[in-house]
């Protein structure tokens, strides 16, 4: 399990890539990934392309992130979900707070 982040060429989008398990072990690194983002960031993408598992702590981390930077970022997206992860997000009604694809 690992986490990496990247900034788009126009410096407006932060993408956080999660590989493996998205669980409590990533709390610190996930928080650090968005803690001190530049004022130019207006969109955050959580890329779950290589994520094969997420638990309730991951859902909590997503909500905490949104709550922390909601005044600066106007769009939150969860992208490249595996079907089982998308189902978890939909059951938890995260499709009301995040764009999920």
N, C-alpha and C. Protein backbone atom coordinates (compact mmCIF):
# COMPACT_ATOMS: atom_id res chain seq x y z
N UNK A 1 0.83 -1.17 0.00
CA UNK A 1 0.00 0.00 0.00
C UNK A 1 0.88 1.23 0.00
N UNK A 2 0.51 2.18 -0.85
CA UNK A 2 1.29 3.40 -0.92
C UNK A 2 0.42 4.53 -1.43
N UNK A 3 0.91 5.73 -1.24
CA UNK A 3 0.19 6.92 -1.62
C UNK A 3 1.17 7.87 -2.29
N UNK A 4 0.79 8.39 -3.43
CA UNK A 4 1.58 9.42 -4.10
C UNK A 4 0.65 10.55 -4.50
N UNK A 5 1.22 11.72 -4.70
CA UNK A 5 0.40 12.84 -5.14
C UNK A 5 1.09 13.54 -6.30
N UNK A 6 0.27 14.19 -7.11
CA UNK A 6 0.81 14.96 -8.23
C UNK A 6 -0.06 16.19 -8.44
N UNK A 7 0.55 17.20 -9.04
CA UNK A 7 -0.14 18.45 -9.33
C UNK A 7 -0.19 18.60 -10.85
N UNK A 8 -1.33 19.02 -11.38
CA UNK A 8 -1.47 19.20 -12.83
C UNK A 8 -0.55 20.30 -13.32
N UNK A 9 -0.31 20.33 -14.64
CA UNK A 9 0.58 21.33 -15.25
C UNK A 9 0.11 22.76 -15.00
N UNK A 10 -1.21 22.95 -14.94
CA UNK A 10 -1.74 24.30 -14.69
C UNK A 10 -1.83 24.63 -13.20
N UNK A 11 -1.39 23.71 -12.35
CA UNK A 11 -1.35 23.87 -10.89
C UNK A 11 -2.73 24.05 -10.26
N UNK A 12 -3.78 23.59 -10.94
CA UNK A 12 -5.13 23.75 -10.42
C UNK A 12 -5.71 22.46 -9.84
N UNK A 13 -5.08 21.31 -10.15
CA UNK A 13 -5.62 20.02 -9.72
C UNK A 13 -4.58 19.22 -8.95
N UNK A 14 -4.98 18.77 -7.77
CA UNK A 14 -4.17 17.85 -6.98
C UNK A 14 -4.75 16.46 -7.16
N UNK A 15 -3.92 15.51 -7.54
CA UNK A 15 -4.36 14.12 -7.66
C UNK A 15 -3.61 13.28 -6.64
N UNK A 16 -4.38 12.53 -5.84
CA UNK A 16 -3.80 11.63 -4.85
C UNK A 16 -4.06 10.21 -5.34
N UNK A 17 -2.97 9.47 -5.59
CA UNK A 17 -3.04 8.10 -6.09
C UNK A 17 -2.86 7.14 -4.92
N UNK A 18 -3.76 6.19 -4.79
CA UNK A 18 -3.66 5.22 -3.70
C UNK A 18 -3.50 3.84 -4.31
N UNK A 19 -2.45 3.14 -3.88
CA UNK A 19 -2.17 1.81 -4.41
C UNK A 19 -2.30 0.78 -3.29
N UNK A 20 -3.03 -0.28 -3.56
CA UNK A 20 -3.20 -1.33 -2.56
C UNK A 20 -4.39 -1.06 -1.66
N UNK A 21 -4.17 -1.13 -0.36
CA UNK A 21 -5.25 -0.94 0.61
C UNK A 21 -5.35 0.52 1.04
N UNK A 22 -6.58 1.01 1.04
CA UNK A 22 -6.88 2.35 1.54
C UNK A 22 -7.53 2.15 2.90
N UNK A 23 -6.70 2.19 3.94
CA UNK A 23 -7.18 1.93 5.29
C UNK A 23 -6.46 2.80 6.30
N UNK A 24 -6.65 2.51 7.57
CA UNK A 24 -6.13 3.32 8.67
C UNK A 24 -4.61 3.54 8.59
N UNK A 25 -3.88 2.63 7.98
CA UNK A 25 -2.42 2.78 7.88
C UNK A 25 -2.01 3.99 7.04
N UNK A 26 -2.93 4.53 6.26
CA UNK A 26 -2.61 5.68 5.41
C UNK A 26 -3.04 7.02 6.00
N UNK A 27 -3.54 7.03 7.22
CA UNK A 27 -4.08 8.27 7.80
C UNK A 27 -3.08 9.41 7.72
N UNK A 28 -1.89 9.22 8.22
CA UNK A 28 -0.90 10.30 8.26
C UNK A 28 -0.50 10.76 6.87
N UNK A 29 -0.15 9.83 5.99
CA UNK A 29 0.30 10.22 4.65
C UNK A 29 -0.84 10.84 3.84
N UNK A 30 -2.07 10.37 4.03
CA UNK A 30 -3.21 10.95 3.32
C UNK A 30 -3.42 12.39 3.78
N UNK A 31 -3.38 12.62 5.05
CA UNK A 31 -3.56 13.97 5.59
C UNK A 31 -2.45 14.90 5.09
N UNK A 32 -1.22 14.41 5.07
CA UNK A 32 -0.10 15.22 4.61
C UNK A 32 -0.21 15.55 3.12
N UNK A 33 -0.86 14.69 2.35
CA UNK A 33 -0.98 14.90 0.91
C UNK A 33 -1.78 16.16 0.57
N UNK A 34 -2.73 16.53 1.42
CA UNK A 34 -3.54 17.71 1.13
C UNK A 34 -3.39 18.82 2.17
N UNK A 35 -2.61 18.61 3.20
CA UNK A 35 -2.54 19.54 4.33
C UNK A 35 -2.08 20.95 3.94
N UNK A 36 -1.09 21.05 3.11
CA UNK A 36 -0.56 22.36 2.78
C UNK A 36 -0.56 22.56 1.27
N UNK A 37 -1.76 22.49 0.68
CA UNK A 37 -1.84 22.66 -0.76
C UNK A 37 -1.83 24.14 -1.12
N UNK A 38 -1.34 24.41 -2.29
CA UNK A 38 -1.23 25.77 -2.79
C UNK A 38 -2.62 26.36 -3.01
N UNK A 39 -2.72 27.66 -2.92
CA UNK A 39 -4.01 28.36 -3.09
C UNK A 39 -4.57 28.21 -4.50
N UNK A 40 -3.72 27.82 -5.46
CA UNK A 40 -4.19 27.68 -6.84
C UNK A 40 -4.97 26.39 -7.08
N UNK A 41 -4.91 25.46 -6.14
CA UNK A 41 -5.63 24.18 -6.28
C UNK A 41 -7.12 24.41 -6.08
N UNK A 42 -7.91 24.03 -7.10
CA UNK A 42 -9.36 24.17 -7.02
C UNK A 42 -10.08 22.84 -7.18
N UNK A 43 -9.32 21.79 -7.51
CA UNK A 43 -9.92 20.47 -7.71
C UNK A 43 -9.00 19.41 -7.11
N UNK A 44 -9.62 18.44 -6.44
CA UNK A 44 -8.86 17.31 -5.88
C UNK A 44 -9.45 16.02 -6.46
N UNK A 45 -8.55 15.18 -6.98
CA UNK A 45 -8.95 13.88 -7.50
C UNK A 45 -8.30 12.81 -6.65
N UNK A 46 -9.10 11.86 -6.19
CA UNK A 46 -8.59 10.69 -5.49
C UNK A 46 -8.63 9.56 -6.51
N UNK A 47 -7.47 9.12 -6.96
CA UNK A 47 -7.38 8.10 -8.00
C UNK A 47 -7.26 6.72 -7.35
N UNK A 48 -8.31 5.90 -7.53
CA UNK A 48 -8.35 4.57 -6.92
C UNK A 48 -8.07 3.46 -7.95
N UNK A 49 -7.42 3.81 -9.04
CA UNK A 49 -7.13 2.85 -10.11
C UNK A 49 -6.43 1.59 -9.59
N UNK A 50 -5.50 1.76 -8.67
CA UNK A 50 -4.73 0.62 -8.16
C UNK A 50 -5.11 0.25 -6.72
N UNK A 51 -6.29 0.68 -6.30
CA UNK A 51 -6.77 0.39 -4.94
C UNK A 51 -7.66 -0.83 -4.99
N UNK A 52 -7.36 -1.82 -4.16
CA UNK A 52 -8.16 -3.05 -4.19
C UNK A 52 -8.99 -3.26 -2.93
N UNK A 53 -8.86 -2.33 -1.95
CA UNK A 53 -9.58 -2.48 -0.68
C UNK A 53 -9.71 -1.13 -0.02
N UNK A 54 -10.87 -0.86 0.56
CA UNK A 54 -11.03 0.32 1.40
C UNK A 54 -11.97 -0.03 2.55
N UNK A 55 -11.72 0.59 3.69
CA UNK A 55 -12.58 0.32 4.85
C UNK A 55 -13.20 1.62 5.34
N UNK A 56 -13.86 1.55 6.47
CA UNK A 56 -14.58 2.72 6.99
C UNK A 56 -13.63 3.87 7.35
N UNK A 57 -12.41 3.56 7.72
CA UNK A 57 -11.47 4.64 8.02
C UNK A 57 -11.13 5.43 6.76
N UNK A 58 -11.13 4.78 5.60
CA UNK A 58 -10.89 5.47 4.34
C UNK A 58 -12.04 6.45 4.06
N UNK A 59 -13.26 6.02 4.35
CA UNK A 59 -14.41 6.90 4.17
C UNK A 59 -14.28 8.12 5.09
N UNK A 60 -13.86 7.88 6.31
CA UNK A 60 -13.64 8.98 7.25
C UNK A 60 -12.55 9.93 6.78
N UNK A 61 -11.49 9.39 6.22
CA UNK A 61 -10.40 10.24 5.72
C UNK A 61 -10.89 11.12 4.57
N UNK A 62 -11.72 10.55 3.69
CA UNK A 62 -12.26 11.34 2.58
C UNK A 62 -13.14 12.48 3.11
N UNK A 63 -13.97 12.20 4.08
CA UNK A 63 -14.83 13.24 4.66
C UNK A 63 -14.01 14.31 5.37
N UNK A 64 -12.99 13.89 6.11
CA UNK A 64 -12.13 14.85 6.80
C UNK A 64 -11.40 15.75 5.81
N UNK A 65 -10.94 15.16 4.71
CA UNK A 65 -10.26 15.95 3.68
C UNK A 65 -11.21 17.01 3.13
N UNK A 66 -12.40 16.58 2.79
CA UNK A 66 -13.37 17.52 2.22
C UNK A 66 -13.69 18.64 3.21
N UNK A 67 -13.89 18.28 4.44
CA UNK A 67 -14.20 19.27 5.49
C UNK A 67 -13.04 20.25 5.68
N UNK A 68 -11.81 19.76 5.61
CA UNK A 68 -10.63 20.59 5.84
C UNK A 68 -10.38 21.61 4.75
N UNK A 69 -10.61 21.24 3.50
CA UNK A 69 -10.24 22.13 2.40
C UNK A 69 -11.42 22.56 1.54
N UNK A 70 -12.62 22.38 2.05
CA UNK A 70 -13.83 22.70 1.30
C UNK A 70 -13.93 24.17 0.91
N UNK A 71 -13.40 25.07 1.72
CA UNK A 71 -13.49 26.49 1.40
C UNK A 71 -12.58 26.87 0.23
N UNK A 72 -11.54 26.10 0.00
CA UNK A 72 -10.60 26.40 -1.09
C UNK A 72 -10.92 25.61 -2.36
N UNK A 73 -11.25 24.35 -2.21
CA UNK A 73 -11.45 23.46 -3.36
C UNK A 73 -12.94 23.40 -3.68
N UNK A 74 -13.28 23.57 -4.96
CA UNK A 74 -14.70 23.56 -5.30
C UNK A 74 -15.14 22.27 -5.98
N UNK A 75 -14.21 21.34 -6.24
CA UNK A 75 -14.60 20.08 -6.85
C UNK A 75 -13.76 18.94 -6.28
N UNK A 76 -14.45 17.91 -5.81
CA UNK A 76 -13.81 16.70 -5.30
C UNK A 76 -14.27 15.54 -6.17
N UNK A 77 -13.31 14.75 -6.64
CA UNK A 77 -13.64 13.63 -7.53
C UNK A 77 -12.93 12.37 -7.06
N UNK A 78 -13.65 11.26 -7.10
CA UNK A 78 -13.06 9.95 -6.85
C UNK A 78 -13.09 9.22 -8.19
N UNK A 79 -11.94 8.89 -8.72
CA UNK A 79 -11.90 8.35 -10.08
C UNK A 79 -11.32 6.94 -10.13
N UNK A 80 -11.63 6.28 -11.24
CA UNK A 80 -11.10 4.96 -11.56
C UNK A 80 -11.39 3.91 -10.49
N UNK A 81 -12.61 3.93 -9.95
CA UNK A 81 -13.01 2.99 -8.90
C UNK A 81 -13.19 1.58 -9.46
N UNK A 82 -12.71 0.61 -8.73
CA UNK A 82 -13.06 -0.78 -9.01
C UNK A 82 -14.54 -0.94 -8.66
N UNK A 83 -15.25 -1.87 -9.31
CA UNK A 83 -16.69 -2.02 -9.05
C UNK A 83 -17.04 -2.20 -7.57
N UNK A 84 -16.26 -3.01 -6.84
CA UNK A 84 -16.57 -3.24 -5.43
C UNK A 84 -16.39 -1.97 -4.59
N UNK A 85 -15.43 -1.12 -4.96
CA UNK A 85 -15.21 0.13 -4.23
C UNK A 85 -16.31 1.14 -4.56
N UNK A 86 -16.70 1.16 -5.81
CA UNK A 86 -17.78 2.07 -6.22
C UNK A 86 -19.07 1.73 -5.49
N UNK A 87 -19.30 0.46 -5.30
CA UNK A 87 -20.49 0.01 -4.58
C UNK A 87 -20.47 0.49 -3.13
N UNK A 88 -19.32 0.37 -2.47
CA UNK A 88 -19.16 0.84 -1.09
C UNK A 88 -19.45 2.34 -1.03
N UNK A 89 -18.90 3.09 -1.96
CA UNK A 89 -19.08 4.54 -1.98
C UNK A 89 -20.55 4.92 -2.21
N UNK A 90 -21.21 4.19 -3.09
CA UNK A 90 -22.62 4.48 -3.36
C UNK A 90 -23.52 4.12 -2.18
N UNK A 91 -23.26 2.97 -1.56
CA UNK A 91 -24.04 2.56 -0.39
C UNK A 91 -23.87 3.58 0.74
N UNK A 92 -22.67 4.13 0.86
CA UNK A 92 -22.37 5.12 1.90
C UNK A 92 -22.82 6.53 1.50
N UNK A 93 -23.43 6.65 0.33
CA UNK A 93 -23.96 7.91 -0.20
C UNK A 93 -22.89 8.96 -0.47
N UNK A 94 -21.70 8.49 -0.77
CA UNK A 94 -20.62 9.41 -1.10
C UNK A 94 -20.82 10.06 -2.47
N UNK A 95 -21.71 9.49 -3.27
CA UNK A 95 -22.00 10.10 -4.57
C UNK A 95 -22.73 11.43 -4.41
N UNK A 96 -23.18 11.74 -3.21
CA UNK A 96 -23.82 13.03 -2.94
C UNK A 96 -22.78 14.11 -2.63
N UNK A 97 -21.60 13.71 -2.19
CA UNK A 97 -20.56 14.67 -1.81
C UNK A 97 -19.39 14.73 -2.79
N UNK A 98 -19.19 13.63 -3.54
CA UNK A 98 -18.06 13.54 -4.47
C UNK A 98 -18.57 13.14 -5.85
N UNK A 99 -17.87 13.59 -6.88
CA UNK A 99 -18.11 13.04 -8.21
C UNK A 99 -17.38 11.71 -8.27
N UNK A 100 -18.09 10.63 -8.59
CA UNK A 100 -17.49 9.30 -8.62
C UNK A 100 -17.57 8.75 -10.03
N UNK A 101 -16.42 8.30 -10.54
CA UNK A 101 -16.42 7.66 -11.86
C UNK A 101 -15.42 6.53 -11.91
